Amino acid sequence: MNTPPPASRLILLGLDGATFANLKPWAEEGILPNFRRIMGEGAWGPLASTIPPTTPPAWTAAITGKNPGKHGIFDFRDSPYRDFERPLITGASIRGRKIWNILNEHGLRCGVLNVPITWPPEKINGFMLSGMMTPGAQSEWAEPAVLKEEINQISGGYLPDLDIAKFDAFLDRDALDFLRAVEDCCERRRKAFLHLLDTKPWEFFMAVFILPDRIQHLFWKFIDPAFNLYRSPQAQRLREPILRCYRAMDAMLGQVLERLDARTDLMILSDHGFGGTETWFNVNEWLRSLGLLAKNPHGALRKKMFYQAMVLNESKLVRALIPDAIQSAIRRKIRAGRDSIRASVRGEIDWTKTKAYFSGVASQGIYLNATNEEERLTLQQKIKDKLLELRDPHTNECVVDEVWFREDIYQGPQTKFAPDIFFKARNYGVLGRALFGDNKALRSSEATPNGFHRPDGILLAIGERFQRGAGPVQGAQIADITPTVLHAMGFPVPDDMDGQVLLQLFHGEYKKREIQFVKAPEDEQSNVIQHTFAEEEQIRQRLKGLGYLE
């Protein structure tokens, strides 16, 4: 049998937060027929995310082929070791070349649609519509700029992201409005995606759809039978509207499959998986109890009252006794009062008496305020030991599964800007938060339907060059995506990449083709492009709605 030539065109389709935990059973039940088709006719398997499995480092690893110690993205905000004020990141914050930059150098035209952290859009050989971290629909999100009007007309108004902070998902009315908004956002993006696929010249096209992530952040426990809330009355009412959204995503996938041919392949990935949030771990309160963090008296009472209100809001008894309208008003007030670590930098932490602090949900990491390297290493070990000793007060079981120093998991010149310590608690079912004002380090979140990320995302591949009916394929990591795309398209892999070519995905003959490597140029330094105050406030509100900022 002749070896197929390299793919002349390849579609890389991102489904933010997608997980086989729900896609596989729904495919088997016939709810998602196009996912079932790919799993039957292509290659598929889990895709290991970064540590931690959060959006900024994971998507950046996918598009650079590098670990965060090289690409330099750890959070939605810049590292305090680089800038103490921690501005929101932009596409210019990423160190090194992205997959479309490399393919442009080989003469290929690239399309990029809604990939996170691509604002402001780059001038590339092709076109780019920016995604998450774009301030809003009124921003300049298209390159070339003339595409903006065309895409708005085709899509009915393009939405770079979805503003979920305005929805109170505990109320059926708002929950249904939210699901309709998610489905509408998916439909607008589908129209833009198919229009660009059909009318613009490209050889590589990467697009990302956010539907799974947004639904699962708010409603995971309504989806997963392992949680009691799955059997709640609200879950029963929302189940079919939730499934309708996933069916819409599957229908979009079917339309993409119709566009494949002998020289066009499709790869699908997610940046991480998903699971339920069982317990909040108020890491800064825990650090305070160890004497490693001190709070300023100023603002402490206000924060304490704020978090007591939040705790009451999450109580089943309170929900049963207080009218929905009053509860909703409290929740909206809580969301408006949340802030990021930037507020803590400005006054809530007494830095003269603080040695360690937790930076927030998105990074799941602890930064140290050490005066020298010897003290830093001592603090690292002390905190690691204490994390591994931490026990659930109700069961006396250990809470933390693993603890890593940044040097254990990252390699490269940007490692020094990463949090000093990372941990995984019950496979991220216990979620670290940067809360101030709560008087408990561990607090149950069983009464809320929230979900959060898990390490295993998804990977599927279908086309002439890929295995047929092969799954589950094991061993794939998210940094492998860029090297694998380059190999599939017949190009060498730069030797500075951490990812590997996933030969196990390829057809028996095609996988024998020798992997070529090329010396990489030195990474250029990123340019500093910051959001304006108004733009940052828009993005902060969206990140609050997802629970990333507190």
Protein backbone atom coordinates (compact mmCIF):
# COMPACT_ATOMS: atom_id res chain seq x y z
CA MET A 1 0.00 0.00 0.00
CA ASN A 2 1.34 3.44 -0.94
CA THR A 3 1.96 5.93 1.81
CA PRO A 4 -0.49 8.84 1.55
CA PRO A 5 1.13 12.19 0.82
CA PRO A 6 1.20 14.81 3.56
CA ALA A 7 -2.11 16.52 4.20
CA SER A 8 -2.43 19.56 1.96
CA ARG A 9 -5.05 20.95 4.34
CA LEU A 10 -5.73 20.29 8.01
CA ILE A 11 -8.48 21.50 10.31
CA LEU A 12 -7.63 21.68 14.02
CA LEU A 13 -10.90 22.01 15.92
CA GLY A 14 -10.78 22.93 19.61
CA LEU A 15 -13.69 22.16 21.92
CA ASP A 16 -12.89 23.99 25.14
CA GLY A 17 -13.28 21.73 28.18
CA ALA A 18 -14.66 18.76 26.25
CA THR A 19 -14.30 15.43 28.04
CA PHE A 20 -14.95 11.81 27.16
CA ALA A 21 -16.61 11.49 30.57
CA ASN A 22 -19.82 12.73 28.96
CA LEU A 23 -19.09 12.71 25.20
CA LYS A 24 -18.37 8.97 25.07
CA PRO A 25 -21.59 7.75 26.73
CA TRP A 26 -23.65 10.26 24.78
CA ALA A 27 -22.00 9.11 21.55
CA GLU A 28 -22.73 5.48 22.43
CA GLU A 29 -26.37 6.35 23.17
CA GLY A 30 -26.73 8.03 19.78
CA ILE A 31 -27.16 11.52 21.22
CA LEU A 32 -23.95 12.63 19.45
CA PRO A 33 -23.86 10.66 16.17
CA ASN A 34 -20.93 12.55 14.64
CA PHE A 35 -18.70 11.96 17.65
CA ARG A 36 -19.69 8.30 17.42
CA ARG A 37 -18.74 8.26 13.73
CA ILE A 38 -15.25 9.68 14.39
CA MET A 39 -14.64 7.26 17.26
CA GLY A 40 -15.63 4.44 14.92
CA GLU A 41 -13.78 5.59 11.81
CA GLY A 42 -10.82 7.54 13.20
CA ALA A 43 -8.34 7.52 16.07
CA TRP A 44 -9.16 8.87 19.50
CA GLY A 45 -7.99 8.92 23.09
CA PRO A 46 -7.34 11.09 26.13
CA LEU A 47 -5.14 14.17 25.84
CA ALA A 48 -3.20 15.05 28.99
CA SER A 49 -3.33 18.76 29.81
CA THR A 50 -0.70 20.89 31.47
CA ILE A 51 -0.12 21.02 35.22
CA PRO A 52 -2.35 22.61 36.35
CA PRO A 53 -4.99 21.85 33.68
CA THR A 54 -6.14 25.42 33.18
CA THR A 55 -7.01 27.38 30.07
CA PRO A 56 -4.10 29.82 29.63
CA PRO A 57 -1.13 27.42 29.95
CA ALA A 58 -2.95 24.57 28.19
CA TRP A 59 -4.05 26.30 25.00
CA THR A 60 -0.67 27.99 24.76
CA ALA A 61 1.08 24.62 25.04
CA ALA A 62 -1.15 23.31 22.24
CA ILE A 63 -0.27 26.10 19.81
CA THR A 64 3.46 26.32 20.64
CA GLY A 65 4.42 22.70 21.36
CA LYS A 66 6.13 23.95 24.53
CA ASN A 67 5.72 23.68 28.27
CA PRO A 68 4.87 26.80 30.32
CA GLY A 69 8.53 27.13 31.35
CA LYS A 70 9.19 28.13 27.74
CA HIS A 71 5.97 29.82 26.58
CA GLY A 72 5.62 31.84 29.81
CA ILE A 73 1.83 31.69 30.30
CA PHE A 74 0.64 30.54 33.74
CA ASP A 75 -2.57 32.45 34.36
CA PHE A 76 -4.95 35.02 32.89
CA ARG A 77 -2.74 37.59 34.58
CA ASP A 78 0.96 38.16 34.23
CA SER A 79 3.29 36.75 36.86
CA PRO A 80 3.88 38.96 39.92
CA TYR A 81 7.55 38.08 39.51
CA ARG A 82 7.44 39.93 36.20
CA ASP A 83 4.96 42.69 37.05
CA PHE A 84 3.66 43.12 40.60
CA GLU A 85 0.48 44.76 39.30
CA ARG A 86 -0.37 41.60 37.32
CA PRO A 87 -2.01 42.99 34.15
CA LEU A 88 -4.20 40.68 32.09
CA ILE A 89 -2.29 38.77 29.44
CA THR A 90 -2.69 39.27 25.70
CA GLY A 91 -1.55 37.31 22.68
CA ALA A 92 1.68 39.31 22.78
CA SER A 93 2.47 37.81 26.21
CA ILE A 94 3.25 34.41 24.65
CA ARG A 95 6.95 33.64 24.20
CA GLY A 96 7.89 31.95 20.94
CA ARG A 97 6.21 31.10 17.66
CA LYS A 98 2.74 29.65 17.32
CA ILE A 99 1.79 26.89 14.89
CA TRP A 100 0.42 29.39 12.35
CA ASN A 101 3.66 31.41 12.45
CA ILE A 102 5.66 28.28 11.60
CA LEU A 103 3.31 27.21 8.82
CA ASN A 104 3.36 30.75 7.39
CA GLU A 105 7.16 30.44 7.18
CA HIS A 106 6.63 27.34 5.03
CA GLY A 107 4.36 29.32 2.71
CA LEU A 108 1.02 28.03 3.99
CA ARG A 109 -2.02 30.22 4.51
CA CYS A 110 -3.63 29.91 7.94
CA GLY A 111 -7.05 30.64 9.39
CA VAL A 112 -7.43 31.21 13.14
CA LEU A 113 -10.87 31.55 14.70
CA ASN A 114 -11.58 32.21 18.37
CA VAL A 115 -8.43 30.59 19.78
CA PRO A 116 -7.96 31.83 23.38
CA ILE A 117 -5.29 34.48 24.00
CA THR A 118 -5.11 35.72 20.41
CA TRP A 119 -6.09 39.32 21.09
CA PRO A 120 -5.06 41.60 19.54
CA PRO A 121 -5.21 39.56 16.31
CA GLU A 122 -1.90 39.06 14.53
CA LYS A 123 -1.11 40.03 10.97
CA ILE A 124 -0.57 36.62 9.38
CA ASN A 125 -0.64 35.09 5.94
CA GLY A 126 -4.33 34.27 6.14
CA PHE A 127 -6.81 35.62 8.66
CA MET A 128 -7.39 35.70 12.41
CA LEU A 129 -10.50 36.34 14.52
CA SER A 130 -9.45 36.63 18.15
CA GLY A 131 -10.99 34.68 21.02
CA MET A 132 -11.05 34.64 24.81
CA MET A 133 -9.34 37.71 26.35
CA THR A 134 -10.84 39.92 23.63
CA PRO A 135 -12.45 42.86 25.46
CA GLY A 136 -15.76 42.68 23.59
CA ALA A 137 -17.64 42.51 20.29
CA GLN A 138 -16.93 46.21 19.72
CA SER A 139 -13.16 45.58 19.82
CA GLU A 140 -10.95 45.19 16.76
CA TRP A 141 -10.98 41.39 16.74
CA ALA A 142 -10.45 40.70 13.01
CA GLU A 143 -7.29 40.63 10.92
CA PRO A 144 -7.50 41.78 8.21
CA ALA A 145 -9.82 44.39 9.73
CA VAL A 146 -12.19 44.33 6.72
CA LEU A 147 -13.29 40.83 7.80
CA LYS A 148 -15.12 42.24 10.81
CA GLU A 149 -18.08 43.63 8.87
CA GLU A 150 -18.29 40.54 6.65
CA ILE A 151 -18.30 38.13 9.60
CA ASN A 152 -20.82 40.23 11.53
CA GLN A 153 -23.19 40.09 8.57
CA ILE A 154 -22.73 36.35 8.03
CA SER A 155 -23.02 35.40 11.71
CA GLY A 156 -25.61 37.86 12.90
CA GLY A 157 -23.01 39.55 15.08
CA TYR A 158 -19.83 37.74 16.01
CA LEU A 159 -19.20 37.11 19.73
CA PRO A 160 -15.54 36.56 20.71
CA ASP A 161 -16.68 35.28 24.12
CA LEU A 162 -19.81 34.81 26.19
CA ASP A 163 -20.64 37.11 29.10
CA ILE A 164 -22.04 34.71 31.69
CA ALA A 165 -21.64 36.93 34.76
CA LYS A 166 -25.04 38.52 34.08
CA PHE A 167 -26.85 35.19 34.52
CA ASP A 168 -27.91 33.86 37.93
CA ALA A 169 -27.80 30.18 37.04
CA PHE A 170 -29.47 29.15 40.33
CA LEU A 171 -32.75 30.49 38.93
CA ASP A 172 -34.44 28.42 36.22
CA ARG A 173 -35.26 31.53 34.20
CA ASP A 174 -31.65 32.71 34.12
CA ALA A 175 -30.30 29.18 33.66
CA LEU A 176 -32.46 28.70 30.57
CA ASP A 177 -31.49 32.14 29.27
CA PHE A 178 -27.84 31.21 29.78
CA LEU A 179 -28.21 27.96 27.83
CA ARG A 180 -29.97 29.78 25.02
CA ALA A 181 -27.11 32.29 24.98
CA VAL A 182 -24.55 29.47 24.81
CA GLU A 183 -26.41 27.85 21.93
CA ASP A 184 -26.75 31.21 20.14
CA CYS A 185 -23.02 31.91 20.57
CA CYS A 186 -22.23 28.45 19.15
CA GLU A 187 -24.55 29.09 16.19
CA ARG A 188 -22.95 32.45 15.37
CA ARG A 189 -19.51 30.89 15.52
CA ARG A 190 -20.66 27.96 13.37
CA LYS A 191 -21.83 30.36 10.67
CA ALA A 192 -18.54 32.26 10.75
CA PHE A 193 -16.50 29.04 10.76
CA LEU A 194 -18.25 27.43 7.80
CA HIS A 195 -18.24 30.68 5.84
CA LEU A 196 -14.48 31.04 6.29
CA LEU A 197 -13.90 27.35 5.51
CA ASP A 198 -15.81 27.66 2.26
CA THR A 199 -14.84 31.10 0.98
CA LYS A 200 -11.28 31.89 2.09
CA PRO A 201 -7.99 30.35 0.95
CA TRP A 202 -6.28 28.31 3.67
CA GLU A 203 -4.18 25.20 4.18
CA PHE A 204 -4.37 25.16 8.00
CA PHE A 205 -7.42 26.25 9.96
CA MET A 206 -7.71 26.27 13.76
CA ALA A 207 -11.04 27.12 15.38
CA VAL A 208 -12.20 26.84 19.00
CA PHE A 209 -15.76 26.46 20.30
CA ILE A 210 -16.37 27.24 23.99
CA LEU A 211 -19.75 25.56 24.53
CA PRO A 212 -18.67 22.56 26.69
CA ASP A 213 -16.53 24.63 29.05
CA ARG A 214 -19.16 27.27 29.77
CA ILE A 215 -21.93 24.77 30.46
CA GLN A 216 -19.77 22.51 32.57
CA HIS A 217 -18.41 25.31 34.76
CA LEU A 218 -21.95 26.12 35.84
CA PHE A 219 -23.80 22.80 35.57
CA TRP A 220 -21.41 19.86 35.84
CA LYS A 221 -23.29 18.24 38.72
CA PHE A 222 -26.49 18.35 36.65
CA ILE A 223 -24.67 16.31 33.99
CA ASP A 224 -22.70 13.79 36.07
CA PRO A 225 -24.76 11.00 37.72
CA ALA A 226 -22.04 10.59 40.37
CA PHE A 227 -23.34 13.72 42.14
CA ASN A 228 -26.55 14.01 44.13
CA LEU A 229 -27.50 17.22 42.34
CA TYR A 230 -27.90 15.15 39.16
CA ARG A 231 -31.23 14.00 40.63
CA SER A 232 -32.34 17.45 41.79
CA PRO A 233 -35.53 19.00 40.37
CA GLN A 234 -33.55 21.77 38.65
CA ALA A 235 -31.26 19.25 37.00
CA GLN A 236 -34.29 17.38 35.66
CA ARG A 237 -35.67 20.61 34.20
CA LEU A 238 -32.37 21.64 32.61
CA ARG A 239 -31.16 18.29 31.30
CA GLU A 240 -32.84 18.46 27.89
CA PRO A 241 -31.84 22.11 27.22
CA ILE A 242 -28.27 21.16 28.14
CA LEU A 243 -28.29 18.20 25.76
CA ARG A 244 -29.74 20.39 23.03
CA CYS A 245 -26.60 22.54 23.20
CA TYR A 246 -24.34 19.51 22.81
CA ARG A 247 -26.45 18.25 19.91
CA ALA A 248 -25.94 21.62 18.20
CA MET A 249 -22.18 21.23 18.63
CA ASP A 250 -22.35 17.71 17.24
CA ALA A 251 -24.35 18.93 14.23
CA MET A 252 -21.64 21.53 13.55
CA LEU A 253 -19.10 18.73 13.66
CA GLY A 254 -21.12 16.81 11.07
CA GLN A 255 -20.93 19.78 8.72
CA VAL A 256 -17.16 19.89 9.14
CA LEU A 257 -16.93 16.16 8.35
CA GLU A 258 -18.80 16.78 5.09
CA ARG A 259 -15.96 19.09 4.02
CA LEU A 260 -13.16 16.55 4.43
CA ASP A 261 -11.61 14.94 1.37
CA ALA A 262 -8.62 12.78 0.48
CA ARG A 263 -6.15 15.58 1.19
CA THR A 264 -7.91 17.29 4.12
CA ASP A 265 -7.68 15.86 7.63
CA LEU A 266 -9.38 16.80 10.88
CA MET A 267 -7.99 16.78 14.41
CA ILE A 268 -10.14 17.63 17.45
CA LEU A 269 -8.80 18.52 20.87
CA SER A 270 -9.76 20.04 24.18
CA ASP A 271 -7.50 21.94 26.54
CA HIS A 272 -8.57 19.93 29.60
CA GLY A 273 -11.31 17.67 30.88
CA PHE A 274 -13.94 18.31 33.55
CA GLY A 275 -15.32 17.08 36.84
CA GLY A 276 -17.31 18.24 39.84
CA THR A 277 -16.06 20.62 42.50
CA GLU A 278 -16.50 18.84 45.84
CA THR A 279 -14.75 21.22 48.22
CA TRP A 280 -13.33 24.74 48.20
CA PHE A 281 -9.82 24.96 49.62
CA ASN A 282 -9.28 28.51 50.89
CA VAL A 283 -5.53 28.39 50.48
CA ASN A 284 -4.76 31.88 51.73
CA GLU A 285 -6.73 31.25 54.93
CA TRP A 286 -4.75 28.02 55.36
CA LEU A 287 -1.45 29.86 54.79
CA ARG A 288 -2.55 32.44 57.35
CA SER A 289 -3.18 29.65 59.87
CA LEU A 290 0.41 28.49 59.32
CA GLY A 291 1.74 31.96 60.02
CA LEU A 292 2.90 32.40 56.43
CA LEU A 293 0.42 35.09 55.40
CA ALA A 294 -0.74 38.19 57.24
CA LYS A 295 -3.69 40.37 56.38
CA ASN A 296 -3.94 44.09 56.81
CA PRO A 297 -6.66 45.10 59.28
CA HIS A 298 -7.94 47.60 56.72
CA GLY A 299 -10.73 45.95 54.74
CA ALA A 300 -10.66 42.74 56.78
CA LEU A 301 -14.08 43.28 58.36
CA ARG A 302 -15.67 44.07 55.00
CA LYS A 303 -14.20 40.92 53.47
CA LYS A 304 -15.29 38.82 56.43
CA MET A 305 -18.87 40.04 56.10
CA PHE A 306 -18.73 39.49 52.33
CA TYR A 307 -17.66 35.85 52.64
CA GLN A 308 -20.10 35.12 55.45
CA ALA A 309 -22.81 36.23 53.05
CA MET A 310 -21.37 33.91 50.40
CA VAL A 311 -21.30 30.98 52.83
CA LEU A 312 -24.91 31.59 53.81
CA ASN A 313 -25.85 31.75 50.14
CA GLU A 314 -24.41 28.27 49.59
CA SER A 315 -26.38 26.80 52.51
CA LYS A 316 -29.25 24.42 51.64
CA LEU A 317 -31.23 25.66 54.66
CA VAL A 318 -30.87 29.30 53.67
CA ARG A 319 -31.97 28.50 50.14
CA ALA A 320 -35.04 26.73 51.44
CA LEU A 321 -36.07 29.65 53.68
CA ILE A 322 -35.15 32.80 51.73
CA PRO A 323 -37.17 33.81 48.64
CA ASP A 324 -35.44 33.36 45.28
CA ALA A 325 -35.48 37.09 44.51
CA ILE A 326 -33.57 37.93 47.67
CA GLN A 327 -31.10 35.08 47.10
CA SER A 328 -30.50 36.28 43.55
CA ALA A 329 -29.84 39.83 44.75
CA ILE A 330 -27.28 38.47 47.25
CA ARG A 331 -25.55 36.40 44.58
CA ARG A 332 -25.31 39.36 42.21
CA LYS A 333 -23.83 41.45 45.01
CA ILE A 334 -21.30 38.69 45.73
CA ARG A 335 -20.25 38.47 42.08
CA ALA A 336 -19.85 42.24 41.94
CA GLY A 337 -17.69 42.14 45.06
CA ARG A 338 -15.28 39.49 43.88
CA ASP A 339 -11.85 40.66 42.96
CA SER A 340 -8.54 39.29 41.86
CA ILE A 341 -5.19 39.01 43.60
CA ARG A 342 -4.51 42.55 42.32
CA ALA A 343 -6.78 43.89 45.10
CA SER A 344 -4.81 41.84 47.61
CA VAL A 345 -1.57 43.25 46.26
CA ARG A 346 -2.92 46.74 46.85
CA GLY A 347 -3.87 46.35 50.47
CA GLU A 348 -5.32 43.15 51.84
CA ILE A 349 -1.98 41.45 52.42
CA ASP A 350 0.61 42.76 54.83
CA TRP A 351 3.68 42.07 52.71
CA THR A 352 6.10 42.81 55.54
CA LYS A 353 4.77 39.74 57.38
CA THR A 354 3.80 37.47 54.45
CA LYS A 355 5.98 34.67 53.07
CA ALA A 356 3.52 32.85 50.78
CA TYR A 357 0.23 33.53 49.02
CA PHE A 358 -2.10 31.68 46.66
CA SER A 359 -2.54 33.57 43.41
CA GLY A 360 -5.97 32.37 42.28
CA VAL A 361 -8.10 29.69 40.67
CA ALA A 362 -6.60 29.96 37.19
CA SER A 363 -3.02 29.19 38.23
CA GLN A 364 -3.67 26.86 41.20
CA GLY A 365 -0.26 27.93 42.47
CA ILE A 366 1.45 29.41 45.50
CA TYR A 367 3.97 32.24 45.13
CA LEU A 368 6.62 32.89 47.73
CA ASN A 369 7.81 36.19 49.15
CA ALA A 370 11.33 35.07 50.01
CA THR A 371 14.38 37.27 50.49
CA ASN A 372 16.88 34.78 49.01
CA GLU A 373 17.09 31.39 47.30
CA GLU A 374 17.88 29.50 50.49
CA GLU A 375 14.75 30.83 52.17
CA ARG A 376 12.71 30.08 49.04
CA LEU A 377 13.78 26.43 49.02
CA THR A 378 13.08 26.11 52.74
CA LEU A 379 9.60 27.58 52.31
CA GLN A 380 8.90 25.31 49.34
CA GLN A 381 9.66 22.21 51.37
CA LYS A 382 7.76 23.39 54.43
CA ILE A 383 4.60 24.15 52.44
CA LYS A 384 4.85 20.88 50.51
CA ASP A 385 5.08 18.92 53.76
CA LYS A 386 2.11 20.78 55.25
CA LEU A 387 0.00 20.29 52.12
CA LEU A 388 0.61 16.54 52.19
CA GLU A 389 -0.33 16.47 55.88
CA LEU A 390 -3.63 18.31 55.31
CA ARG A 391 -6.64 16.16 56.27
CA ASP A 392 -10.36 16.46 55.77
CA PRO A 393 -11.82 17.30 59.20
CA HIS A 394 -14.88 15.13 58.53
CA THR A 395 -13.17 11.97 57.27
CA ASN A 396 -9.56 12.42 58.44
CA GLU A 397 -8.46 11.48 54.91
CA CYS A 398 -5.58 13.22 53.15
CA VAL A 399 -6.78 16.04 50.91
CA VAL A 400 -3.78 16.66 48.63
CA ASP A 401 -2.72 13.99 46.12
CA GLU A 402 0.50 15.53 44.82
CA VAL A 403 2.69 18.58 45.30
CA TRP A 404 5.18 19.88 42.74
CA PHE A 405 7.84 22.52 42.82
CA ARG A 406 7.86 24.53 39.61
CA GLU A 407 11.26 23.06 38.71
CA ASP A 408 9.72 19.56 38.85
CA ILE A 409 7.26 20.18 36.03
CA TYR A 410 8.54 23.12 33.98
CA GLN A 411 11.75 23.57 32.05
CA GLY A 412 12.92 26.72 30.32
CA PRO A 413 13.81 30.37 30.85
CA GLN A 414 10.26 31.36 31.89
CA THR A 415 10.12 28.87 34.77
CA LYS A 416 11.39 31.51 37.19
CA PHE A 417 8.14 33.46 36.67
CA ALA A 418 5.87 30.53 37.57
CA PRO A 419 4.29 29.95 40.99
CA ASP A 420 6.83 28.24 43.26
CA ILE A 421 4.46 25.42 44.31
CA PHE A 422 1.60 23.57 42.61
CA PHE A 423 -0.68 20.92 44.08
CA LYS A 424 -3.46 18.57 43.05
CA ALA A 425 -6.15 17.84 45.63
CA ARG A 426 -8.44 14.87 44.91
CA ASN A 427 -7.74 15.23 41.22
CA TYR A 428 -8.79 18.89 41.36
CA GLY A 429 -12.13 17.98 42.94
CA VAL A 430 -10.85 20.03 45.86
CA LEU A 431 -10.29 23.40 44.24
CA GLY A 432 -7.87 25.98 45.55
CA ARG A 433 -9.29 29.48 45.90
CA ALA A 434 -7.71 32.78 46.91
CA LEU A 435 -10.44 33.65 49.38
CA PHE A 436 -9.92 36.16 52.18
CA GLY A 437 -12.41 36.46 55.00
CA ASP A 438 -13.62 32.87 55.29
CA ASN A 439 -12.78 31.29 58.63
CA LYS A 440 -12.40 27.76 57.28
CA ALA A 441 -9.67 26.38 55.06
CA LEU A 442 -11.93 23.65 53.65
CA ARG A 443 -15.59 24.20 52.86
CA SER A 444 -17.96 21.85 51.06
CA SER A 445 -19.33 22.90 47.67
CA GLU A 446 -21.67 19.94 47.27
CA ALA A 447 -24.70 22.25 47.23
CA THR A 448 -23.54 24.12 44.11
CA PRO A 449 -23.58 22.55 40.62
CA ASN A 450 -20.14 23.93 39.66
CA GLY A 451 -17.51 21.97 37.83
CA PHE A 452 -13.83 22.52 37.24
CA HIS A 453 -11.05 21.18 35.08
CA ARG A 454 -9.49 17.72 35.08
CA PRO A 455 -6.19 16.63 33.50
CA ASP A 456 -7.62 14.49 30.67
CA GLY A 457 -8.97 16.33 27.65
CA ILE A 458 -9.94 14.74 24.34
CA LEU A 459 -8.11 14.01 21.10
CA LEU A 460 -9.72 12.69 17.92
CA ALA A 461 -8.31 12.45 14.40
CA ILE A 462 -9.94 11.39 11.15
CA GLY A 463 -8.67 11.45 7.57
CA GLU A 464 -6.58 9.55 5.06
CA ARG A 465 -3.43 9.77 7.18
CA PHE A 466 -4.94 8.66 10.48
CA GLN A 467 -5.74 5.27 11.99
CA ARG A 468 -9.22 3.90 11.40
CA GLY A 469 -11.25 2.83 14.40
CA ALA A 470 -8.26 3.07 16.76
CA GLY A 471 -9.04 3.90 20.34
CA PRO A 472 -8.43 4.65 22.97
CA VAL A 473 -4.96 5.75 21.89
CA GLN A 474 -2.84 6.38 24.97
CA GLY A 475 0.02 8.71 25.88
CA ALA A 476 -0.92 11.96 24.11
CA GLN A 477 -0.04 15.26 25.78
CA ILE A 478 -1.27 18.70 24.82
CA ALA A 479 2.19 19.96 23.81
CA ASP A 480 2.22 17.14 21.20
CA ILE A 481 -0.40 18.90 19.06
CA THR A 482 1.86 21.30 17.17
CA PRO A 483 4.60 18.72 16.36
CA THR A 484 1.91 16.28 15.21
CA VAL A 485 0.29 18.86 12.93
CA LEU A 486 3.65 19.75 11.43
CA HIS A 487 4.44 16.08 10.76
CA ALA A 488 0.99 15.47 9.24
CA MET A 489 1.53 18.37 6.86
CA GLY A 490 5.01 17.22 5.84
CA PHE A 491 7.16 19.73 7.73
CA PRO A 492 10.04 19.30 10.20
CA VAL A 493 9.60 19.82 13.93
CA PRO A 494 11.64 22.63 15.54
CA ASP A 495 14.07 21.11 18.02
CA ASP A 496 13.07 23.41 20.90
CA MET A 497 9.61 21.88 21.23
CA ASP A 498 8.74 19.69 24.21
CA GLY A 499 5.92 17.88 22.43
CA GLN A 500 6.36 14.71 20.41
CA VAL A 501 4.84 13.58 17.13
CA LEU A 502 1.95 11.23 17.98
CA LEU A 503 2.83 8.46 15.55
CA GLN A 504 0.22 6.21 17.18
CA LEU A 505 -2.49 8.36 15.57
CA PHE A 506 -1.31 7.72 12.03
CA HIS A 507 -2.13 5.05 9.50
CA GLY A 508 0.13 1.99 9.57
CA GLU A 509 2.12 3.02 6.52
CA TYR A 510 2.13 6.74 7.13
CA LYS A 511 3.42 6.39 10.68
CA LYS A 512 6.64 4.91 9.23
CA ARG A 513 7.55 8.20 7.58
CA GLU A 514 10.65 9.54 9.30
CA ILE A 515 10.17 12.48 11.63
CA GLN A 516 12.29 15.41 10.52
CA PHE A 517 13.71 18.01 12.90
CA VAL A 518 15.08 21.49 12.28
CA LYS A 519 17.03 23.87 14.49
CA ALA A 520 14.70 26.44 16.00
CA PRO A 521 15.46 30.14 16.02
CA GLU A 522 15.90 31.81 19.38
CA ASP A 523 12.59 32.78 20.95
CA GLU A 524 11.83 36.41 20.55
CA GLN A 525 10.78 38.40 23.58
CA SER A 526 7.10 39.21 23.79
CA ASN A 527 5.85 42.72 23.23
CA VAL A 528 4.02 44.45 26.05
CA ILE A 529 0.45 45.08 24.92
CA GLN A 530 -1.91 45.86 27.75
CA HIS A 531 -5.66 46.28 27.87
CA THR A 532 -7.07 49.67 28.71
CA PHE A 533 -8.80 49.99 32.08
CA ALA A 534 -12.23 49.68 30.44
CA GLU A 535 -11.17 46.64 28.39
CA GLU A 536 -9.68 44.93 31.42
CA GLU A 537 -12.88 45.51 33.38
CA GLN A 538 -14.94 43.83 30.64
CA ILE A 539 -12.71 40.76 30.69
CA ARG A 540 -12.57 40.67 34.49
CA GLN A 541 -16.36 40.44 34.62
CA ARG A 542 -16.33 37.39 32.31
CA LEU A 543 -13.57 35.71 34.29
CA LYS A 544 -15.53 36.34 37.49
CA GLY A 545 -18.54 34.64 35.95
CA LEU A 546 -16.43 31.54 35.32
CA GLY A 547 -15.06 31.64 38.86
CA TYR A 548 -11.48 32.46 37.81
CA LEU A 549 -11.37 35.76 39.71
CA GLU A 550 -12.59 36.13 43.28
